């Protein structure tokens, strides 16, 4: 089972959710997953671009109310 780390970036705007995710992923091992919750509507496309550029797998993106949830798997 993959270990899951949670990161709450509610209230932060670009580029802070990405920067915090990048730092969290650096402290994880390959195969672990990171769940990031953001309120920045632009975070959806930001995390898509981040995954393409870094090689981390974007497992899932969902939204619930004003929250946008991004799940990444460490490469």
PDB file of N, CA and C in Angstrom:
ATOM      1  N   UNK A   1       0.847  -1.187   0.000  1.00  0.00           N
ATOM      2  CA  UNK A   1       0.000   0.000   0.000  1.00  0.00           C
ATOM      3  C   UNK A   1       0.885   1.241   0.000  1.00  0.00           C
ATOM      4  N   UNK A   2       0.562   2.181  -0.856  1.00  0.00           N
ATOM      5  CA  UNK A   2       1.317   3.428  -0.913  1.00  0.00           C
ATOM      6  C   UNK A   2       1.051   4.257   0.330  1.00  0.00           C
ATOM      7  N   UNK A   3       2.100   4.858   0.825  1.00  0.00           N
ATOM      8  CA  UNK A   3       1.943   5.778   1.945  1.00  0.00           C
ATOM      9  C   UNK A   3       1.421   7.097   1.383  1.00  0.00           C
ATOM     10  N   UNK A   4       0.508   7.740   2.083  1.00  0.00           N
ATOM     11  CA  UNK A   4      -0.077   8.990   1.598  1.00  0.00           C
ATOM     12  C   UNK A   4       0.261  10.126   2.557  1.00  0.00           C
ATOM     13  N   UNK A   5       0.800  11.192   1.995  1.00  0.00           N
ATOM     14  CA  UNK A   5       1.088  12.391   2.763  1.00  0.00           C
ATOM     15  C   UNK A   5       0.067  13.449   2.340  1.00  0.00           C
ATOM     16  N   UNK A   6      -0.405  14.234   3.281  1.00  0.00           N
ATOM     17  CA  UNK A   6      -1.402  15.278   3.000  1.00  0.00           C
ATOM     18  C   UNK A   6      -0.746  16.652   3.109  1.00  0.00           C
ATOM     19  N   UNK A   7      -1.136  17.541   2.215  1.00  0.00           N
ATOM     20  CA  UNK A   7      -0.617  18.900   2.222  1.00  0.00           C
ATOM     21  C   UNK A   7      -1.787  19.853   2.013  1.00  0.00           C
ATOM     22  N   UNK A   8      -2.010  20.748   2.981  1.00  0.00           N
ATOM     23  CA  UNK A   8      -3.104  21.716   2.907  1.00  0.00           C
ATOM     24  C   UNK A   8      -2.539  23.065   2.465  1.00  0.00           C
ATOM     25  N   UNK A   9      -2.895  23.480   1.252  1.00  0.00           N
ATOM     26  CA  UNK A   9      -2.428  24.775   0.747  1.00  0.00           C
ATOM     27  C   UNK A   9      -3.597  25.729   0.534  1.00  0.00           C
ATOM     28  N   UNK A  10      -4.684  25.508   1.259  1.00  0.00           N
ATOM     29  CA  UNK A  10      -5.854  26.393   1.137  1.00  0.00           C
ATOM     30  C   UNK A  10      -5.449  27.830   1.463  1.00  0.00           C
ATOM     31  N   UNK A  11      -5.950  28.761   0.664  1.00  0.00           N
ATOM     32  CA  UNK A  11      -5.670  30.172   0.889  1.00  0.00           C
ATOM     33  C   UNK A  11      -4.396  30.663   0.220  1.00  0.00           C
ATOM     34  N   UNK A  12      -3.611  29.750  -0.325  1.00  0.00           N
ATOM     35  CA  UNK A  12      -2.373  30.144  -1.006  1.00  0.00           C
ATOM     36  C   UNK A  12      -2.606  30.184  -2.508  1.00  0.00           C
ATOM     37  N   UNK A  13      -2.006  31.165  -3.161  1.00  0.00           N
ATOM     38  CA  UNK A  13      -2.129  31.290  -4.611  1.00  0.00           C
ATOM     39  C   UNK A  13      -0.833  30.899  -5.289  1.00  0.00           C
ATOM     40  N   UNK A  14      -0.923  30.663  -6.575  1.00  0.00           N
ATOM     41  CA  UNK A  14       0.212  30.291  -7.403  1.00  0.00           C
ATOM     42  C   UNK A  14       1.356  31.277  -7.161  1.00  0.00           C
ATOM     43  N   UNK A  15       2.558  30.825  -7.018  1.00  0.00           N
ATOM     44  CA  UNK A  15       3.070  29.465  -7.193  1.00  0.00           C
ATOM     45  C   UNK A  15       3.221  28.679  -5.889  1.00  0.00           C
ATOM     46  N   UNK A  16       2.710  29.183  -4.782  1.00  0.00           N
ATOM     47  CA  UNK A  16       2.964  28.544  -3.487  1.00  0.00           C
ATOM     48  C   UNK A  16       2.478  27.092  -3.372  1.00  0.00           C
ATOM     49  N   UNK A  17       1.286  26.716  -3.861  1.00  0.00           N
ATOM     50  CA  UNK A  17       0.904  25.302  -3.757  1.00  0.00           C
ATOM     51  C   UNK A  17       1.903  24.373  -4.465  1.00  0.00           C
ATOM     52  N   UNK A  18       2.377  24.792  -5.636  1.00  0.00           N
ATOM     53  CA  UNK A  18       3.353  23.987  -6.382  1.00  0.00           C
ATOM     54  C   UNK A  18       4.674  23.920  -5.629  1.00  0.00           C
ATOM     55  N   UNK A  19       5.143  25.047  -5.122  1.00  0.00           N
ATOM     56  CA  UNK A  19       6.420  25.056  -4.399  1.00  0.00           C
ATOM     57  C   UNK A  19       6.367  24.180  -3.152  1.00  0.00           C
ATOM     58  N   UNK A  20       5.266  24.228  -2.424  1.00  0.00           N
ATOM     59  CA  UNK A  20       5.122  23.394  -1.221  1.00  0.00           C
ATOM     60  C   UNK A  20       5.036  21.911  -1.599  1.00  0.00           C
ATOM     61  N   UNK A  21       4.358  21.617  -2.698  1.00  0.00           N
ATOM     62  CA  UNK A  21       4.272  20.232  -3.166  1.00  0.00           C
ATOM     63  C   UNK A  21       5.649  19.727  -3.595  1.00  0.00           C
ATOM     64  N   UNK A  22       6.388  20.565  -4.291  1.00  0.00           N
ATOM     65  CA  UNK A  22       7.728  20.182  -4.742  1.00  0.00           C
ATOM     66  C   UNK A  22       8.616  19.842  -3.547  1.00  0.00           C
ATOM     67  N   UNK A  23       8.544  20.664  -2.507  1.00  0.00           N
ATOM     68  CA  UNK A  23       9.342  20.422  -1.307  1.00  0.00           C
ATOM     69  C   UNK A  23       8.909  19.132  -0.610  1.00  0.00           C
ATOM     70  N   UNK A  24       7.602  18.912  -0.505  1.00  0.00           N
ATOM     71  CA  UNK A  24       7.092  17.697   0.143  1.00  0.00           C
ATOM     72  C   UNK A  24       7.506  16.449  -0.638  1.00  0.00           C
ATOM     73  N   UNK A  25       7.416  16.511  -1.963  1.00  0.00           N
ATOM     74  CA  UNK A  25       7.791  15.358  -2.786  1.00  0.00           C
ATOM     75  C   UNK A  25       9.283  15.036  -2.660  1.00  0.00           C
ATOM     76  N   UNK A  26      10.096  16.051  -2.464  1.00  0.00           N
ATOM     77  CA  UNK A  26      11.540  15.840  -2.321  1.00  0.00           C
ATOM     78  C   UNK A  26      11.862  15.029  -1.070  1.00  0.00           C
ATOM     79  N   UNK A  27      10.999  15.098  -0.061  1.00  0.00           N
ATOM     80  CA  UNK A  27      11.217  14.372   1.194  1.00  0.00           C
ATOM     81  C   UNK A  27      10.565  12.991   1.196  1.00  0.00           C
ATOM     82  N   UNK A  28       9.998  12.583   0.062  1.00  0.00           N
ATOM     83  CA  UNK A  28       9.294  11.297  -0.022  1.00  0.00           C
ATOM     84  C   UNK A  28      10.117  10.315  -0.853  1.00  0.00           C
ATOM     85  N   UNK A  29       9.754   9.041  -0.782  1.00  0.00           N
ATOM     86  CA  UNK A  29      10.428   8.026  -1.594  1.00  0.00           C
ATOM     87  C   UNK A  29       9.545   7.650  -2.776  1.00  0.00           C
ATOM     88  N   UNK A  30      10.162   7.055  -3.790  1.00  0.00           N
ATOM     89  CA  UNK A  30       9.446   6.678  -5.008  1.00  0.00           C
ATOM     90  C   UNK A  30       8.245   5.806  -4.682  1.00  0.00           C
ATOM     91  N   UNK A  31       7.110   6.111  -5.315  1.00  0.00           N
ATOM     92  CA  UNK A  31       5.898   5.339  -5.138  1.00  0.00           C
ATOM     93  C   UNK A  31       4.948   5.894  -4.088  1.00  0.00           C
ATOM     94  N   UNK A  32       5.436   6.756  -3.209  1.00  0.00           N
ATOM     95  CA  UNK A  32       4.552   7.359  -2.208  1.00  0.00           C
ATOM     96  C   UNK A  32       3.663   8.397  -2.884  1.00  0.00           C
ATOM     97  N   UNK A  33       2.505   8.647  -2.298  1.00  0.00           N
ATOM     98  CA  UNK A  33       1.581   9.607  -2.884  1.00  0.00           C
ATOM     99  C   UNK A  33       1.406  10.828  -1.984  1.00  0.00           C
ATOM    100  N   UNK A  34       1.163  11.943  -2.637  1.00  0.00           N
ATOM    101  CA  UNK A  34       0.957  13.217  -1.965  1.00  0.00           C
ATOM    102  C   UNK A  34      -0.414  13.741  -2.379  1.00  0.00           C
ATOM    103  N   UNK A  35      -1.229  14.078  -1.397  1.00  0.00           N
ATOM    104  CA  UNK A  35      -2.564  14.657  -1.643  1.00  0.00           C
ATOM    105  C   UNK A  35      -2.499  16.122  -1.257  1.00  0.00           C
ATOM    106  N   UNK A  36      -2.713  16.987  -2.248  1.00  0.00           N
ATOM    107  CA  UNK A  36      -2.638  18.430  -2.042  1.00  0.00           C
ATOM    108  C   UNK A  36      -4.042  19.018  -2.173  1.00  0.00           C
ATOM    109  N   UNK A  37      -4.449  19.793  -1.165  1.00  0.00           N
ATOM    110  CA  UNK A  37      -5.748  20.476  -1.205  1.00  0.00           C
ATOM    111  C   UNK A  37      -5.471  21.968  -1.375  1.00  0.00           C
ATOM    112  N   UNK A  38      -6.091  22.562  -2.383  1.00  0.00           N
ATOM    113  CA  UNK A  38      -5.866  23.972  -2.699  1.00  0.00           C
ATOM    114  C   UNK A  38      -7.199  24.669  -2.938  1.00  0.00           C
ATOM    115  N   UNK A  39      -7.211  25.978  -2.760  1.00  0.00           N
ATOM    116  CA  UNK A  39      -8.400  26.761  -3.101  1.00  0.00           C
ATOM    117  C   UNK A  39      -8.143  27.627  -4.338  1.00  0.00           C
ATOM    118  N   UNK A  40      -6.964  27.513  -4.917  1.00  0.00           N
ATOM    119  CA  UNK A  40      -6.601  28.290  -6.106  1.00  0.00           C
ATOM    120  C   UNK A  40      -7.159  27.595  -7.350  1.00  0.00           C
ATOM    121  N   UNK A  41      -8.124  28.214  -8.057  1.00  0.00           N
ATOM    122  CA  UNK A  41      -8.709  27.576  -9.243  1.00  0.00           C
ATOM    123  C   UNK A  41      -7.675  27.266 -10.328  1.00  0.00           C
ATOM    124  N   UNK A  42      -6.610  28.030 -10.386  1.00  0.00           N
ATOM    125  CA  UNK A  42      -5.555  27.789 -11.379  1.00  0.00           C
ATOM    126  C   UNK A  42      -4.674  26.603 -11.044  1.00  0.00           C
ATOM    127  N   UNK A  43      -4.844  26.049  -9.849  1.00  0.00           N
ATOM    128  CA  UNK A  43      -3.977  24.942  -9.434  1.00  0.00           C
ATOM    129  C   UNK A  43      -4.197  23.688 -10.284  1.00  0.00           C
ATOM    130  N   UNK A  44      -5.374  23.537 -10.873  1.00  0.00           N
ATOM    131  CA  UNK A  44      -5.637  22.357 -11.703  1.00  0.00           C
ATOM    132  C   UNK A  44      -4.662  22.296 -12.866  1.00  0.00           C
ATOM    133  N   UNK A  45      -4.571  23.355 -13.626  1.00  0.00           N
ATOM    134  CA  UNK A  45      -3.642  23.338 -14.761  1.00  0.00           C
ATOM    135  C   UNK A  45      -2.189  23.428 -14.294  1.00  0.00           C
ATOM    136  N   UNK A  46      -1.951  24.102 -13.168  1.00  0.00           N
ATOM    137  CA  UNK A  46      -0.583  24.193 -12.636  1.00  0.00           C
ATOM    138  C   UNK A  46      -0.041  22.811 -12.282  1.00  0.00           C
ATOM    139  N   UNK A  47      -0.870  21.983 -11.620  1.00  0.00           N
ATOM    140  CA  UNK A  47      -0.401  20.647 -11.237  1.00  0.00           C
ATOM    141  C   UNK A  47      -0.269  19.723 -12.442  1.00  0.00           C
ATOM    142  N   UNK A  48      -1.074  19.933 -13.471  1.00  0.00           N
ATOM    143  CA  UNK A  48      -0.930  19.155 -14.700  1.00  0.00           C
ATOM    144  C   UNK A  48       0.425  19.455 -15.353  1.00  0.00           C
ATOM    145  N   UNK A  49       0.766  20.734 -15.432  1.00  0.00           N
ATOM    146  CA  UNK A  49       2.052  21.138 -16.011  1.00  0.00           C
ATOM    147  C   UNK A  49       3.213  20.665 -15.137  1.00  0.00           C
ATOM    148  N   UNK A  50       3.059  20.773 -13.826  1.00  0.00           N
ATOM    149  CA  UNK A  50       4.100  20.341 -12.895  1.00  0.00           C
ATOM    150  C   UNK A  50       4.398  18.847 -13.083  1.00  0.00           C
ATOM    151  N   UNK A  51       3.355  18.043 -13.196  1.00  0.00           N
ATOM    152  CA  UNK A  51       3.537  16.597 -13.380  1.00  0.00           C
ATOM    153  C   UNK A  51       4.253  16.304 -14.702  1.00  0.00           C
ATOM    154  N   UNK A  52       3.853  16.979 -15.762  1.00  0.00           N
ATOM    155  CA  UNK A  52       4.509  16.786 -17.073  1.00  0.00           C
ATOM    156  C   UNK A  52       5.984  17.142 -17.003  1.00  0.00           C
ATOM    157  N   UNK A  53       6.297  18.237 -16.343  1.00  0.00           N
ATOM    158  CA  UNK A  53       7.672  18.730 -16.306  1.00  0.00           C
ATOM    159  C   UNK A  53       8.585  17.939 -15.379  1.00  0.00           C
ATOM    160  N   UNK A  54       8.033  17.348 -14.326  1.00  0.00           N
ATOM    161  CA  UNK A  54       8.867  16.679 -13.325  1.00  0.00           C
ATOM    162  C   UNK A  54       8.875  15.163 -13.439  1.00  0.00           C
ATOM    163  N   UNK A  55       7.889  14.594 -14.129  1.00  0.00           N
ATOM    164  CA  UNK A  55       7.812  13.141 -14.250  1.00  0.00           C
ATOM    165  C   UNK A  55       7.047  12.466 -13.135  1.00  0.00           C
ATOM    166  N   UNK A  56       6.548  13.231 -12.163  1.00  0.00           N
ATOM    167  CA  UNK A  56       5.687  12.654 -11.129  1.00  0.00           C
ATOM    168  C   UNK A  56       4.345  12.342 -11.782  1.00  0.00           C
ATOM    169  N   UNK A  57       3.680  11.291 -11.300  1.00  0.00           N
ATOM    170  CA  UNK A  57       2.399  10.898 -11.884  1.00  0.00           C
ATOM    171  C   UNK A  57       1.253  11.647 -11.205  1.00  0.00           C
ATOM    172  N   UNK A  58       0.443  12.310 -12.010  1.00  0.00           N
ATOM    173  CA  UNK A  58      -0.758  12.964 -11.499  1.00  0.00           C
ATOM    174  C   UNK A  58      -1.854  11.902 -11.509  1.00  0.00           C
ATOM    175  N   UNK A  59      -2.126  11.337 -10.339  1.00  0.00           N
ATOM    176  CA  UNK A  59      -3.036  10.200 -10.213  1.00  0.00           C
ATOM    177  C   UNK A  59      -4.490  10.627 -10.329  1.00  0.00           C
ATOM    178  N   UNK A  60      -4.820  11.766  -9.716  1.00  0.00           N
ATOM    179  CA  UNK A  60      -6.218  12.181  -9.665  1.00  0.00           C
ATOM    180  C   UNK A  60      -6.322  13.675  -9.399  1.00  0.00           C
ATOM    181  N   UNK A  61      -7.360  14.285  -9.960  1.00  0.00           N
ATOM    182  CA  UNK A  61      -7.712  15.670  -9.661  1.00  0.00           C
ATOM    183  C   UNK A  61      -9.218  15.728  -9.491  1.00  0.00           C
ATOM    184  N   UNK A  62      -9.666  16.296  -8.373  1.00  0.00           N
ATOM    185  CA  UNK A  62     -11.099  16.442  -8.122  1.00  0.00           C
ATOM    186  C   UNK A  62     -11.351  17.810  -7.511  1.00  0.00           C
ATOM    187  N   UNK A  63     -12.609  18.197  -7.487  1.00  0.00           N
ATOM    188  CA  UNK A  63     -12.970  19.436  -6.803  1.00  0.00           C
ATOM    189  C   UNK A  63     -14.225  19.184  -5.982  1.00  0.00           C
ATOM    190  N   UNK A  64     -14.262  19.850  -4.840  1.00  0.00           N
ATOM    191  CA  UNK A  64     -15.421  19.754  -3.945  1.00  0.00           C
ATOM    192  C   UNK A  64     -15.625  21.125  -3.325  1.00  0.00           C
ATOM    193  N   UNK A  65     -16.683  21.798  -3.732  1.00  0.00           N
ATOM    194  CA  UNK A  65     -16.908  23.155  -3.241  1.00  0.00           C
ATOM    195  C   UNK A  65     -15.799  24.064  -3.745  1.00  0.00           C
ATOM    196  N   UNK A  66     -15.132  24.741  -2.836  1.00  0.00           N
ATOM    197  CA  UNK A  66     -14.039  25.636  -3.242  1.00  0.00           C
ATOM    198  C   UNK A  66     -12.678  24.955  -3.158  1.00  0.00           C
ATOM    199  N   UNK A  67     -12.651  23.653  -2.835  1.00  0.00           N
ATOM    200  CA  UNK A  67     -11.391  22.917  -2.728  1.00  0.00           C
ATOM    201  C   UNK A  67     -11.076  22.167  -4.020  1.00  0.00           C
ATOM    202  N   UNK A  68      -9.821  22.203  -4.390  1.00  0.00           N
ATOM    203  CA  UNK A  68      -9.314  21.445  -5.524  1.00  0.00           C
ATOM    204  C   UNK A  68      -8.301  20.461  -4.959  1.00  0.00           C
ATOM    205  N   UNK A  69      -8.501  19.178  -5.249  1.00  0.00           N
ATOM    206  CA  UNK A  69      -7.651  18.139  -4.678  1.00  0.00           C
ATOM    207  C   UNK A  69      -6.808  17.518  -5.786  1.00  0.00           C
ATOM    208  N   UNK A  70      -5.507  17.429  -5.555  1.00  0.00           N
ATOM    209  CA  UNK A  70      -4.556  16.878  -6.520  1.00  0.00           C
ATOM    210  C   UNK A  70      -3.794  15.753  -5.825  1.00  0.00           C
ATOM    211  N   UNK A  71      -3.738  14.596  -6.478  1.00  0.00           N
ATOM    212  CA  UNK A  71      -3.010  13.460  -5.918  1.00  0.00           C
ATOM    213  C   UNK A  71      -1.864  13.133  -6.860  1.00  0.00           C
ATOM    214  N   UNK A  72      -0.651  13.202  -6.330  1.00  0.00           N
ATOM    215  CA  UNK A  72       0.555  12.941  -7.106  1.00  0.00           C
ATOM    216  C   UNK A  72       1.288  11.723  -6.550  1.00  0.00           C
ATOM    217  N   UNK A  73       1.872  10.914  -7.442  1.00  0.00           N
ATOM    218  CA  UNK A  73       2.719   9.806  -7.007  1.00  0.00           C
ATOM    219  C   UNK A  73       4.164  10.152  -7.334  1.00  0.00           C
ATOM    220  N   UNK A  74       5.002  10.042  -6.325  1.00  0.00           N
ATOM    221  CA  UNK A  74       6.441  10.371  -6.461  1.00  0.00           C
ATOM    222  C   UNK A  74       7.095   9.417  -7.452  1.00  0.00           C
ATOM    223  N   UNK A  75       7.875   9.972  -8.361  1.00  0.00           N
ATOM    224  CA  UNK A  75       8.585   9.117  -9.350  1.00  0.00           C
ATOM    225  C   UNK A  75       9.775   8.464  -8.724  1.00  0.00           C
TER     226      UNK A  75
END
